[in-house]
Amino acid sequence: MMNIIFDSININNLSGNSGVFNGENTQSNWNSYIKNNFGQGSIIGKHNIFYQNVNVVEDNDLIDFPVRKAKEGNGN
């Protein structure tokens, strides 16, 4: 048996498929489906200034990615 001892756990950011688990636990049938739209893009560098900017995201899709859950016992 392996023992791992943490003095503390610090979490700065959780995103769509994240979890923090402690102790004896089971995460069965854990799924995550996420879609993000970013209108600004990436900002890289120091002392960047965006003054009175307007960001527009045009997303005309009705369905971006269909998710079909498999039947239990199907192996999928």
PDB file of N, CA and C in Angstrom:
ATOM      1  N   MET A   1       0.840  -1.185   0.000  1.00  0.00           N
ATOM      2  CA  MET A   1       0.000   0.000   0.000  1.00  0.00           C
ATOM      3  C   MET A   1       0.880   1.240   0.000  1.00  0.00           C
ATOM      4  N   MET A   2       0.505   2.235  -0.814  1.00  0.00           N
ATOM      5  CA  MET A   2       1.253   3.471  -0.904  1.00  0.00           C
ATOM      6  C   MET A   2       0.527   4.560  -0.120  1.00  0.00           C
ATOM      7  N   ASN A   3       1.250   5.313   0.661  1.00  0.00           N
ATOM      8  CA  ASN A   3       0.680   6.446   1.393  1.00  0.00           C
ATOM      9  C   ASN A   3       1.207   7.741   0.807  1.00  0.00           C
ATOM     10  N   ILE A   4       0.303   8.632   0.457  1.00  0.00           N
ATOM     11  CA  ILE A   4       0.667   9.959  -0.029  1.00  0.00           C
ATOM     12  C   ILE A   4       0.071  10.960   0.932  1.00  0.00           C
ATOM     13  N   ILE A   5       0.902  11.862   1.441  1.00  0.00           N
ATOM     14  CA  ILE A   5       0.448  12.855   2.415  1.00  0.00           C
ATOM     15  C   ILE A   5       0.634  14.236   1.806  1.00  0.00           C
ATOM     16  N   PHE A   6      -0.450  15.001   1.754  1.00  0.00           N
ATOM     17  CA  PHE A   6      -0.408  16.377   1.274  1.00  0.00           C
ATOM     18  C   PHE A   6      -0.520  17.311   2.473  1.00  0.00           C
ATOM     19  N   ASP A   7       0.316  18.325   2.492  1.00  0.00           N
ATOM     20  CA  ASP A   7       0.178  19.358   3.507  1.00  0.00           C
ATOM     21  C   ASP A   7      -1.011  20.248   3.176  1.00  0.00           C
ATOM     22  N   SER A   8      -1.160  20.551   1.882  1.00  0.00           N
ATOM     23  CA  SER A   8      -2.306  21.334   1.422  1.00  0.00           C
ATOM     24  C   SER A   8      -2.485  21.105  -0.069  1.00  0.00           C
ATOM     25  N   ILE A   9      -3.691  21.369  -0.540  1.00  0.00           N
ATOM     26  CA  ILE A   9      -3.996  21.313  -1.964  1.00  0.00           C
ATOM     27  C   ILE A   9      -4.560  22.673  -2.345  1.00  0.00           C
ATOM     28  N   ASN A  10      -3.911  23.350  -3.274  1.00  0.00           N
ATOM     29  CA  ASN A  10      -4.360  24.657  -3.747  1.00  0.00           C
ATOM     30  C   ASN A  10      -4.838  24.522  -5.177  1.00  0.00           C
ATOM     31  N   ILE A  11      -6.054  24.981  -5.420  1.00  0.00           N
ATOM     32  CA  ILE A  11      -6.646  24.891  -6.750  1.00  0.00           C
ATOM     33  C   ILE A  11      -6.929  26.305  -7.229  1.00  0.00           C
ATOM     34  N   ASN A  12      -6.303  26.680  -8.333  1.00  0.00           N
ATOM     35  CA  ASN A  12      -6.486  28.023  -8.880  1.00  0.00           C
ATOM     36  C   ASN A  12      -7.573  28.081  -9.937  1.00  0.00           C
ATOM     37  N   ASN A  13      -7.778  26.975 -10.656  1.00  0.00           N
ATOM     38  CA  ASN A  13      -8.727  27.010 -11.753  1.00  0.00           C
ATOM     39  C   ASN A  13      -9.234  25.602 -12.032  1.00  0.00           C
ATOM     40  N   LEU A  14     -10.539  25.449 -12.137  1.00  0.00           N
ATOM     41  CA  LEU A  14     -11.139  24.205 -12.584  1.00  0.00           C
ATOM     42  C   LEU A  14     -11.799  24.465 -13.925  1.00  0.00           C
ATOM     43  N   SER A  15     -11.624  23.543 -14.854  1.00  0.00           N
ATOM     44  CA  SER A  15     -12.288  23.701 -16.138  1.00  0.00           C
ATOM     45  C   SER A  15     -13.249  22.547 -16.339  1.00  0.00           C
ATOM     46  N   GLY A  16     -13.761  22.411 -17.523  1.00  0.00           N
ATOM     47  CA  GLY A  16     -14.877  21.521 -17.784  1.00  0.00           C
ATOM     48  C   GLY A  16     -14.737  20.077 -17.369  1.00  0.00           C
ATOM     49  N   ASN A  17     -13.585  19.501 -17.524  1.00  0.00           N
ATOM     50  CA  ASN A  17     -13.426  18.094 -17.192  1.00  0.00           C
ATOM     51  C   ASN A  17     -12.425  17.960 -16.057  1.00  0.00           C
ATOM     52  N   SER A  18     -12.708  18.631 -14.944  1.00  0.00           N
ATOM     53  CA  SER A  18     -11.806  18.628 -13.796  1.00  0.00           C
ATOM     54  C   SER A  18     -12.512  18.065 -12.585  1.00  0.00           C
ATOM     55  N   GLY A  19     -11.723  17.607 -11.654  1.00  0.00           N
ATOM     56  CA  GLY A  19     -12.281  17.124 -10.408  1.00  0.00           C
ATOM     57  C   GLY A  19     -11.222  17.103  -9.336  1.00  0.00           C
ATOM     58  N   VAL A  20     -11.652  17.251  -8.113  1.00  0.00           N
ATOM     59  CA  VAL A  20     -10.765  17.135  -6.962  1.00  0.00           C
ATOM     60  C   VAL A  20     -11.368  16.056  -6.078  1.00  0.00           C
ATOM     61  N   PHE A  21     -10.632  14.999  -5.885  1.00  0.00           N
ATOM     62  CA  PHE A  21     -11.134  13.863  -5.132  1.00  0.00           C
ATOM     63  C   PHE A  21     -10.174  13.559  -3.998  1.00  0.00           C
ATOM     64  N   ASN A  22     -10.723  13.208  -2.865  1.00  0.00           N
ATOM     65  CA  ASN A  22      -9.909  12.936  -1.699  1.00  0.00           C
ATOM     66  C   ASN A  22     -10.487  11.726  -0.980  1.00  0.00           C
ATOM     67  N   GLY A  23      -9.635  10.838  -0.538  1.00  0.00           N
ATOM     68  CA  GLY A  23     -10.110   9.679   0.184  1.00  0.00           C
ATOM     69  C   GLY A  23     -10.547   8.571  -0.751  1.00  0.00           C
ATOM     70  N   GLU A  24     -11.224   7.585  -0.221  1.00  0.00           N
ATOM     71  CA  GLU A  24     -11.715   6.475  -1.027  1.00  0.00           C
ATOM     72  C   GLU A  24     -12.956   6.922  -1.779  1.00  0.00           C
ATOM     73  N   ASN A  25     -12.911   6.892  -3.087  1.00  0.00           N
ATOM     74  CA  ASN A  25     -14.039   7.340  -3.888  1.00  0.00           C
ATOM     75  C   ASN A  25     -13.994   6.695  -5.259  1.00  0.00           C
ATOM     76  N   THR A  26     -15.111   6.731  -5.932  1.00  0.00           N
ATOM     77  CA  THR A  26     -15.235   6.200  -7.280  1.00  0.00           C
ATOM     78  C   THR A  26     -16.001   7.189  -8.133  1.00  0.00           C
ATOM     79  N   GLN A  27     -15.497   7.462  -9.320  1.00  0.00           N
ATOM     80  CA  GLN A  27     -16.183   8.338 -10.260  1.00  0.00           C
ATOM     81  C   GLN A  27     -16.613   7.508 -11.454  1.00  0.00           C
ATOM     82  N   SER A  28     -17.738   6.857 -11.334  1.00  0.00           N
ATOM     83  CA  SER A  28     -18.206   6.034 -12.444  1.00  0.00           C
ATOM     84  C   SER A  28     -19.114   6.861 -13.353  1.00  0.00           C
ATOM     85  N   ASN A  29     -19.067   6.528 -14.624  1.00  0.00           N
ATOM     86  CA  ASN A  29     -19.890   7.219 -15.638  1.00  0.00           C
ATOM     87  C   ASN A  29     -19.712   8.726 -15.603  1.00  0.00           C
ATOM     88  N   TRP A  30     -18.496   9.169 -15.459  1.00  0.00           N
ATOM     89  CA  TRP A  30     -18.194  10.595 -15.378  1.00  0.00           C
ATOM     90  C   TRP A  30     -17.874  11.093 -16.782  1.00  0.00           C
ATOM     91  N   ASN A  31     -18.706  11.967 -17.314  1.00  0.00           N
ATOM     92  CA  ASN A  31     -18.543  12.496 -18.663  1.00  0.00           C
ATOM     93  C   ASN A  31     -18.547  14.015 -18.633  1.00  0.00           C
ATOM     94  N   SER A  32     -17.911  14.590 -19.618  1.00  0.00           N
ATOM     95  CA  SER A  32     -17.909  16.042 -19.738  1.00  0.00           C
ATOM     96  C   SER A  32     -17.957  16.416 -21.213  1.00  0.00           C
ATOM     97  N   TYR A  33     -18.865  17.282 -21.553  1.00  0.00           N
ATOM     98  CA  TYR A  33     -19.007  17.757 -22.931  1.00  0.00           C
ATOM     99  C   TYR A  33     -19.016  19.276 -22.880  1.00  0.00           C
ATOM    100  N   ILE A  34     -18.061  19.890 -23.535  1.00  0.00           N
ATOM    101  CA  ILE A  34     -17.887  21.342 -23.421  1.00  0.00           C
ATOM    102  C   ILE A  34     -17.672  21.959 -24.797  1.00  0.00           C
ATOM    103  N   LYS A  35     -18.192  23.146 -24.934  1.00  0.00           N
ATOM    104  CA  LYS A  35     -17.892  23.960 -26.101  1.00  0.00           C
ATOM    105  C   LYS A  35     -17.607  25.366 -25.617  1.00  0.00           C
ATOM    106  N   ASN A  36     -16.520  25.946 -26.072  1.00  0.00           N
ATOM    107  CA  ASN A  36     -16.161  27.317 -25.708  1.00  0.00           C
ATOM    108  C   ASN A  36     -16.055  28.164 -26.963  1.00  0.00           C
ATOM    109  N   ASN A  37     -16.515  29.377 -26.868  1.00  0.00           N
ATOM    110  CA  ASN A  37     -16.317  30.369 -27.921  1.00  0.00           C
ATOM    111  C   ASN A  37     -15.567  31.548 -27.313  1.00  0.00           C
ATOM    112  N   PHE A  38     -14.440  31.872 -27.907  1.00  0.00           N
ATOM    113  CA  PHE A  38     -13.656  32.998 -27.426  1.00  0.00           C
ATOM    114  C   PHE A  38     -13.605  34.057 -28.517  1.00  0.00           C
ATOM    115  N   GLY A  39     -14.036  35.256 -28.208  1.00  0.00           N
ATOM    116  CA  GLY A  39     -14.028  36.333 -29.187  1.00  0.00           C
ATOM    117  C   GLY A  39     -12.756  37.139 -29.186  1.00  0.00           C
ATOM    118  N   GLN A  40     -11.989  37.083 -28.119  1.00  0.00           N
ATOM    119  CA  GLN A  40     -10.774  37.888 -28.012  1.00  0.00           C
ATOM    120  C   GLN A  40      -9.555  37.156 -28.547  1.00  0.00           C
ATOM    121  N   GLY A  41      -9.501  35.856 -28.387  1.00  0.00           N
ATOM    122  CA  GLY A  41      -8.303  35.129 -28.773  1.00  0.00           C
ATOM    123  C   GLY A  41      -7.289  35.155 -27.649  1.00  0.00           C
ATOM    124  N   SER A  42      -6.027  34.999 -27.963  1.00  0.00           N
ATOM    125  CA  SER A  42      -4.971  34.967 -26.960  1.00  0.00           C
ATOM    126  C   SER A  42      -4.319  36.329 -26.825  1.00  0.00           C
ATOM    127  N   ILE A  43      -3.996  36.671 -25.593  1.00  0.00           N
ATOM    128  CA  ILE A  43      -3.256  37.902 -25.307  1.00  0.00           C
ATOM    129  C   ILE A  43      -1.909  37.483 -24.754  1.00  0.00           C
ATOM    130  N   ILE A  44      -0.843  37.807 -25.455  1.00  0.00           N
ATOM    131  CA  ILE A  44       0.494  37.369 -25.072  1.00  0.00           C
ATOM    132  C   ILE A  44       1.390  38.595 -24.918  1.00  0.00           C
ATOM    133  N   GLY A  45       2.183  38.591 -23.874  1.00  0.00           N
ATOM    134  CA  GLY A  45       3.137  39.666 -23.657  1.00  0.00           C
ATOM    135  C   GLY A  45       2.848  40.432 -22.382  1.00  0.00           C
ATOM    136  N   LYS A  46       3.593  41.496 -22.182  1.00  0.00           N
ATOM    137  CA  LYS A  46       3.445  42.318 -20.984  1.00  0.00           C
ATOM    138  C   LYS A  46       2.887  43.685 -21.352  1.00  0.00           C
ATOM    139  N   HIS A  47       2.138  44.253 -20.435  1.00  0.00           N
ATOM    140  CA  HIS A  47       1.603  45.621 -20.548  1.00  0.00           C
ATOM    141  C   HIS A  47       0.725  45.800 -21.787  1.00  0.00           C
ATOM    142  N   ASN A  48      -0.074  44.809 -22.119  1.00  0.00           N
ATOM    143  CA  ASN A  48      -0.996  44.920 -23.245  1.00  0.00           C
ATOM    144  C   ASN A  48      -2.208  45.747 -22.831  1.00  0.00           C
ATOM    145  N   ILE A  49      -2.643  46.614 -23.697  1.00  0.00           N
ATOM    146  CA  ILE A  49      -3.807  47.455 -23.424  1.00  0.00           C
ATOM    147  C   ILE A  49      -4.806  47.264 -24.560  1.00  0.00           C
ATOM    148  N   PHE A  50      -6.033  46.918 -24.191  1.00  0.00           N
ATOM    149  CA  PHE A  50      -7.129  46.827 -25.150  1.00  0.00           C
ATOM    150  C   PHE A  50      -8.129  47.893 -24.745  1.00  0.00           C
ATOM    151  N   TYR A  51      -8.226  48.934 -25.528  1.00  0.00           N
ATOM    152  CA  TYR A  51      -9.029  50.093 -25.173  1.00  0.00           C
ATOM    153  C   TYR A  51     -10.287  50.143 -26.031  1.00  0.00           C
ATOM    154  N   GLN A  52     -11.447  50.123 -25.398  1.00  0.00           N
ATOM    155  CA  GLN A  52     -12.757  50.214 -26.049  1.00  0.00           C
ATOM    156  C   GLN A  52     -12.898  49.214 -27.197  1.00  0.00           C
ATOM    157  N   ASN A  53     -12.483  47.993 -26.957  1.00  0.00           N
ATOM    158  CA  ASN A  53     -12.614  46.988 -28.000  1.00  0.00           C
ATOM    159  C   ASN A  53     -13.984  46.328 -27.941  1.00  0.00           C
ATOM    160  N   VAL A  54     -14.412  45.775 -29.059  1.00  0.00           N
ATOM    161  CA  VAL A  54     -15.675  45.052 -29.166  1.00  0.00           C
ATOM    162  C   VAL A  54     -15.364  43.684 -29.750  1.00  0.00           C
ATOM    163  N   ASN A  55     -15.840  42.654 -29.074  1.00  0.00           N
ATOM    164  CA  ASN A  55     -15.622  41.286 -29.549  1.00  0.00           C
ATOM    165  C   ASN A  55     -16.965  40.680 -29.920  1.00  0.00           C
ATOM    166  N   VAL A  56     -17.020  40.073 -31.096  1.00  0.00           N
ATOM    167  CA  VAL A  56     -18.252  39.457 -31.573  1.00  0.00           C
ATOM    168  C   VAL A  56     -17.955  38.004 -31.930  1.00  0.00           C
ATOM    169  N   VAL A  57     -18.765  37.110 -31.388  1.00  0.00           N
ATOM    170  CA  VAL A  57     -18.670  35.697 -31.755  1.00  0.00           C
ATOM    171  C   VAL A  57     -19.958  35.346 -32.479  1.00  0.00           C
ATOM    172  N   GLU A  58     -19.838  34.977 -33.742  1.00  0.00           N
ATOM    173  CA  GLU A  58     -21.001  34.564 -34.518  1.00  0.00           C
ATOM    174  C   GLU A  58     -20.966  33.053 -34.629  1.00  0.00           C
ATOM    175  N   ASP A  59     -21.923  32.417 -33.994  1.00  0.00           N
ATOM    176  CA  ASP A  59     -21.978  30.957 -33.970  1.00  0.00           C
ATOM    177  C   ASP A  59     -23.386  30.541 -34.370  1.00  0.00           C
ATOM    178  N   ASN A  60     -23.563  30.244 -35.644  1.00  0.00           N
ATOM    179  CA  ASN A  60     -24.891  29.940 -36.172  1.00  0.00           C
ATOM    180  C   ASN A  60     -25.246  28.458 -36.104  1.00  0.00           C
ATOM    181  N   ASP A  61     -24.369  27.645 -35.536  1.00  0.00           N
ATOM    182  CA  ASP A  61     -24.657  26.214 -35.456  1.00  0.00           C
ATOM    183  C   ASP A  61     -25.801  25.958 -34.489  1.00  0.00           C
ATOM    184  N   LEU A  62     -26.689  25.071 -34.858  1.00  0.00           N
ATOM    185  CA  LEU A  62     -27.707  24.627 -33.920  1.00  0.00           C
ATOM    186  C   LEU A  62     -27.141  23.549 -33.002  1.00  0.00           C
ATOM    187  N   ILE A  63     -26.350  22.651 -33.577  1.00  0.00           N
ATOM    188  CA  ILE A  63     -25.698  21.594 -32.813  1.00  0.00           C
ATOM    189  C   ILE A  63     -24.234  21.557 -33.244  1.00  0.00           C
ATOM    190  N   ASP A  64     -23.325  21.784 -32.302  1.00  0.00           N
ATOM    191  CA  ASP A  64     -21.903  21.774 -32.630  1.00  0.00           C
ATOM    192  C   ASP A  64     -21.340  20.369 -32.699  1.00  0.00           C
ATOM    193  N   PHE A  65     -21.664  19.555 -31.720  1.00  0.00           N
ATOM    194  CA  PHE A  65     -21.252  18.164 -31.744  1.00  0.00           C
ATOM    195  C   PHE A  65     -22.305  17.345 -31.015  1.00  0.00           C
ATOM    196  N   PRO A  66     -22.991  16.484 -31.737  1.00  0.00           N
ATOM    197  CA  PRO A  66     -24.020  15.665 -31.081  1.00  0.00           C
ATOM    198  C   PRO A  66     -23.376  14.628 -30.163  1.00  0.00           C
ATOM    199  N   VAL A  67     -23.967  14.427 -29.005  1.00  0.00           N
ATOM    200  CA  VAL A  67     -23.464  13.464 -28.030  1.00  0.00           C
ATOM    201  C   VAL A  67     -24.524  12.390 -27.858  1.00  0.00           C
ATOM    202  N   ARG A  68     -24.150  11.174 -28.145  1.00  0.00           N
ATOM    203  CA  ARG A  68     -25.068  10.050 -27.967  1.00  0.00           C
ATOM    204  C   ARG A  68     -24.516   9.166 -26.867  1.00  0.00           C
ATOM    205  N   LYS A  69     -25.285   8.954 -25.833  1.00  0.00           N
ATOM    206  CA  LYS A  69     -24.853   8.099 -24.748  1.00  0.00           C
ATOM    207  C   LYS A  69     -25.062   6.646 -25.145  1.00  0.00           C
ATOM    208  N   ALA A  70     -24.050   5.826 -24.873  1.00  0.00           N
ATOM    209  CA  ALA A  70     -24.138   4.397 -25.181  1.00  0.00           C
ATOM    210  C   ALA A  70     -25.014   3.712 -24.148  1.00  0.00           C
ATOM    211  N   LYS A  71     -25.676   2.670 -24.573  1.00  0.00           N
ATOM    212  CA  LYS A  71     -26.468   1.879 -23.640  1.00  0.00           C
ATOM    213  C   LYS A  71     -25.549   1.118 -22.713  1.00  0.00           C
ATOM    214  N   GLU A  72     -25.978   0.948 -21.468  1.00  0.00           N
ATOM    215  CA  GLU A  72     -25.156   0.240 -20.499  1.00  0.00           C
ATOM    216  C   GLU A  72     -24.960  -1.201 -20.932  1.00  0.00           C
ATOM    217  N   GLY A  73     -23.745  -1.693 -20.707  1.00  0.00           N
ATOM    218  CA  GLY A  73     -23.429  -3.066 -21.090  1.00  0.00           C
ATOM    219  C   GLY A  73     -23.027  -3.204 -22.538  1.00  0.00           C
ATOM    220  N   ASN A  74     -23.020  -2.078 -23.264  1.00  0.00           N
ATOM    221  CA  ASN A  74     -22.683  -2.082 -24.680  1.00  0.00           C
ATOM    222  C   ASN A  74     -21.169  -2.088 -24.889  1.00  0.00           C
ATOM    223  N   GLY A  75     -20.415  -1.657 -23.846  1.00  0.00           N
ATOM    224  CA  GLY A  75     -18.960  -1.599 -23.974  1.00  0.00           C
ATOM    225  C   GLY A  75     -18.474  -0.341 -24.636  1.00  0.00           C
ATOM    226  N   ASN A  76     -19.340   0.593 -24.966  1.00  0.00           N
ATOM    227  CA  ASN A  76     -18.953   1.863 -25.586  1.00  0.00           C
ATOM    228  C   ASN A  76     -19.058   2.988 -24.606  1.00  0.00           C
TER     229      ASN A  76
END
